[in-house]
C-alpha atoms as a PDB file:
ATOM      1  CA  MET A   1      89.250  93.537 114.246  1.00  0.00           C
ATOM      2  CA  ALA A   2      89.976  90.025 114.945  1.00  0.00           C
ATOM      3  CA  LYS A   3      86.753  89.326 113.464  1.00  0.00           C
ATOM      4  CA  LYS A   4      86.861  91.384 110.633  1.00  0.00           C
ATOM      5  CA  ASN A   5      90.447  90.572 109.576  1.00  0.00           C
ATOM      6  CA  MET A   6      89.253  86.786 109.866  1.00  0.00           C
ATOM      7  CA  ASP A   7      86.236  87.924 107.885  1.00  0.00           C
ATOM      8  CA  LEU A   8      88.481  89.040 105.271  1.00  0.00           C
ATOM      9  CA  LEU A   9      90.970  86.410 105.077  1.00  0.00           C
ATOM     10  CA  LEU A  10      87.897  84.086 104.583  1.00  0.00           C
ATOM     11  CA  SER A  11      86.373  85.949 102.074  1.00  0.00           C
ATOM     12  CA  ASN A  12      89.968  86.405 100.083  1.00  0.00           C
ATOM     13  CA  ILE A  13      89.943  82.182 100.032  1.00  0.00           C
ATOM     14  CA  MET A  14      86.550  82.009  98.927  1.00  0.00           C
ATOM     15  CA  GLY A  15      86.965  84.377  96.061  1.00  0.00           C
ATOM     16  CA  ASP A  16      85.309  87.154  97.372  1.00  0.00           C
ATOM     17  CA  ALA A  17      87.921  89.402  98.016  1.00  0.00           C
ATOM     18  CA  VAL A  18      87.148  92.902  98.769  1.00  0.00           C
ATOM     19  CA  ILE A  19      89.643  95.676  99.894  1.00  0.00           C
ATOM     20  CA  ARG A  20      88.107  98.920 101.656  1.00  0.00           C
ATOM     21  CA  PRO A  21      90.004 101.817 101.638  1.00  0.00           C
ATOM     22  CA  GLN A  22      89.843 102.162 105.362  1.00  0.00           C
ATOM     23  CA  ASP A  23      91.115  98.591 105.478  1.00  0.00           C
ATOM     24  CA  LYS A  24      94.233  99.977 103.848  1.00  0.00           C
ATOM     25  CA  TYR A  25      97.123 101.311 106.512  1.00  0.00           C
ATOM     26  CA  GLU A  26      99.566 103.333 104.656  1.00  0.00           C
ATOM     27  CA  PRO A  27     102.016 104.168 107.077  1.00  0.00           C
ATOM     28  CA  PRO A  28     103.624 108.008 107.108  1.00  0.00           C
ATOM     29  CA  ILE A  29     105.850 109.292 104.254  1.00  0.00           C
ATOM     30  CA  GLY A  30     109.334 108.956 105.295  1.00  0.00           C
ATOM     31  CA  SER A  31     108.783 106.363 108.155  1.00  0.00           C
ATOM     32  CA  LYS A  32     110.852 102.869 108.313  1.00  0.00           C
ATOM     33  CA  GLU A  33     108.340 101.082 107.312  1.00  0.00           C
ATOM     34  CA  VAL A  34     108.256 103.165 103.760  1.00  0.00           C
ATOM     35  CA  LYS A  35     111.604 102.807 102.940  1.00  0.00           C
ATOM     36  CA  ALA A  36     111.265  98.563 103.787  1.00  0.00           C
ATOM     37  CA  SER A  37     109.015  98.467 102.030  1.00  0.00           C
ATOM     38  CA  MET A  38     110.636 100.201  98.969  1.00  0.00           C
ATOM     39  CA  LYS A  39     113.469  97.732  99.439  1.00  0.00           C
ATOM     40  CA  ALA A  40     111.091  94.674  99.077  1.00  0.00           C
ATOM     41  CA  THR A  41     109.573  96.399  95.644  1.00  0.00           C
ATOM     42  CA  ARG A  42     113.100  96.760  94.171  1.00  0.00           C
ATOM     43  CA  MET A  43     114.025  93.772  94.493  1.00  0.00           C
ATOM     44  CA  GLU A  44     110.865  92.335  93.354  1.00  0.00           C
ATOM     45  CA  GLU A  45     111.571  94.629  90.486  1.00  0.00           C
ATOM     46  CA  LYS A  46     114.639  92.998  89.257  1.00  0.00           C
ATOM     47  CA  THR A  47     112.798  89.372  89.272  1.00  0.00           C
ATOM     48  CA  ALA A  48     109.680  90.881  87.575  1.00  0.00           C
ATOM     49  CA  ASP A  49     109.988  89.256  84.004  1.00  0.00           C
ATOM     50  CA  THR A  50     110.229  85.630  86.151  1.00  0.00           C
ATOM     51  CA  PRO A  51     107.217  83.609  85.578  1.00  0.00           C
ATOM     52  CA  TRP A  52     106.202  82.443  89.377  1.00  0.00           C
ATOM     53  CA  LYS A  53     105.083  78.947  90.941  1.00  0.00           C
ATOM     54  CA  HIS A  54     103.857  78.351  94.056  1.00  0.00           C
ATOM     55  CA  PHE A  55     106.805  76.294  96.451  1.00  0.00           C
ATOM     56  CA  SER A  56     105.979  75.228 100.044  1.00  0.00           C
ATOM     57  CA  PHE A  57     107.853  73.364 101.850  1.00  0.00           C
ATOM     58  CA  ILE A  58     108.100  71.757 106.021  1.00  0.00           C
ATOM     59  CA  CYS A  59     111.076  72.983 108.072  1.00  0.00           C
ATOM     60  CA  SER A  60     112.287  73.104 111.500  1.00  0.00           C
ATOM     61  CA  VAL A  61     110.692  75.612 113.782  1.00  0.00           C
ATOM     62  CA  GLU A  62     113.651  77.536 114.563  1.00  0.00           C
ATOM     63  CA  LEU A  63     114.551  77.943 110.590  1.00  0.00           C
ATOM     64  CA  VAL A  64     111.093  79.445 110.061  1.00  0.00           C
ATOM     65  CA  ASP A  65     111.588  81.615 113.226  1.00  0.00           C
ATOM     66  CA  LYS A  66     115.089  83.194 112.429  1.00  0.00           C
ATOM     67  CA  ILE A  67     113.927  83.549 108.657  1.00  0.00           C
ATOM     68  CA  GLN A  68     110.824  85.641 110.022  1.00  0.00           C
ATOM     69  CA  ALA A  69     113.082  87.284 112.275  1.00  0.00           C
ATOM     70  CA  ILE A  70     115.609  88.191 109.576  1.00  0.00           C
ATOM     71  CA  ALA A  71     112.784  89.225 106.991  1.00  0.00           C
ATOM     72  CA  HIS A  72     110.983  91.766 109.648  1.00  0.00           C
ATOM     73  CA  LYS A  73     114.184  93.449 110.655  1.00  0.00           C
ATOM     74  CA  GLU A  74     115.859  93.948 107.302  1.00  0.00           C
ATOM     75  CA  GLY A  75     112.221  94.635 106.118  1.00  0.00           C
ATOM     76  CA  PHE A  76     112.160  92.181 103.368  1.00  0.00           C
ATOM     77  CA  THR A  77     109.141  89.796 102.586  1.00  0.00           C
ATOM     78  CA  ILE A  78     109.832  86.174 103.580  1.00  0.00           C
ATOM     79  CA  ARG A  79     109.191  85.171 100.026  1.00  0.00           C
ATOM     80  CA  ALA A  80     111.916  87.634  98.547  1.00  0.00           C
ATOM     81  CA  LEU A  81     114.518  86.252 101.625  1.00  0.00           C
ATOM     82  CA  MET A  82     114.316  82.595 100.722  1.00  0.00           C
ATOM     83  CA  GLU A  83     114.396  83.713  97.168  1.00  0.00           C
ATOM     84  CA  PHE A  84     117.777  84.717  97.377  1.00  0.00           C
ATOM     85  CA  LEU A  85     118.650  82.397  99.870  1.00  0.00           C
ATOM     86  CA  MET A  86     117.603  79.431  97.370  1.00  0.00           C
ATOM     87  CA  ARG A  87     119.298  81.122  95.082  1.00  0.00           C
ATOM     88  CA  GLN A  88     122.815  81.482  96.872  1.00  0.00           C
ATOM     89  CA  GLY A  89     122.316  78.002  97.535  1.00  0.00           C
ATOM     90  CA  ILE A  90     121.446  76.822  93.719  1.00  0.00           C
ATOM     91  CA  ASP A  91     124.532  79.247  92.550  1.00  0.00           C
ATOM     92  CA  LYS A  92     126.791  77.160  94.951  1.00  0.00           C
ATOM     93  CA  TYR A  93     125.420  73.626  93.992  1.00  0.00           C
ATOM     94  CA  GLU A  94     125.886  74.197  90.510  1.00  0.00           C
ATOM     95  CA  ALA A  95     129.451  76.209  90.526  1.00  0.00           C
ATOM     96  CA  LYS A  96     130.650  72.141  92.379  1.00  0.00           C
ATOM     97  CA  HIS A  97     128.430  69.927  90.207  1.00  0.00           C
ATOM     98  CA  GLY A  98     127.211  72.228  87.142  1.00  0.00           C
ATOM     99  CA  LYS A  99     124.402  73.167  85.699  1.00  0.00           C
ATOM    100  CA  ALA A 100     120.823  71.441  87.328  1.00  0.00           C
ATOM    101  CA  LYS A 101     118.613  70.789  84.742  1.00  0.00           C
ATOM    102  CA  LYS A 102     114.916  69.337  85.686  1.00  0.00           C
ATOM    103  CA  ILE A 103     114.914  65.620  84.466  1.00  0.00           C
ATOM    104  CA  LYS A 104     111.911  64.921  81.690  1.00  0.00           C
ATOM    105  CA  THR A 105     109.574  62.623  83.195  1.00  0.00           C
ATOM    106  CA  LYS A 106     107.063  60.220  81.373  1.00  0.00           C
ATOM    107  CA  ASP A 107     103.952  61.108  80.835  1.00  0.00           C
ATOM    108  CA  VAL A 108     101.098  58.503  82.341  1.00  0.00           C
ATOM    109  CA  ASN A 109      99.976  57.577  78.849  1.00  0.00           C
ATOM    110  CA  ASP A 110     103.215  56.605  78.274  1.00  0.00           C
ATOM    111  CA  VAL A 111     103.518  53.933  80.684  1.00  0.00           C
ATOM    112  CA  MET A 112     100.133  52.576  80.525  1.00  0.00           C
END
């Protein structure tokens, strides 16, 4: 099983992604997993219009463990939970300091 998962992971990384029906786990209707999946889907639908950009950062193990525990317990994806928490923080910051704007940076051709 572990080798099969590792092979799938490597094939996904290398671009040969193959999802076979026997690899797909579908929990029984009415289970907690299905309900949690529906919650996460509803949350993602609300932000379906938003373009996505990959963003990662390093933080303490304690925070990572707590985020994973909350997301797992409540049935959210970690991405959905982190986006919610970051939006709350940004809203609080903007209420205190005004709208946050991205600072336009110079192009290398402007400098050189």
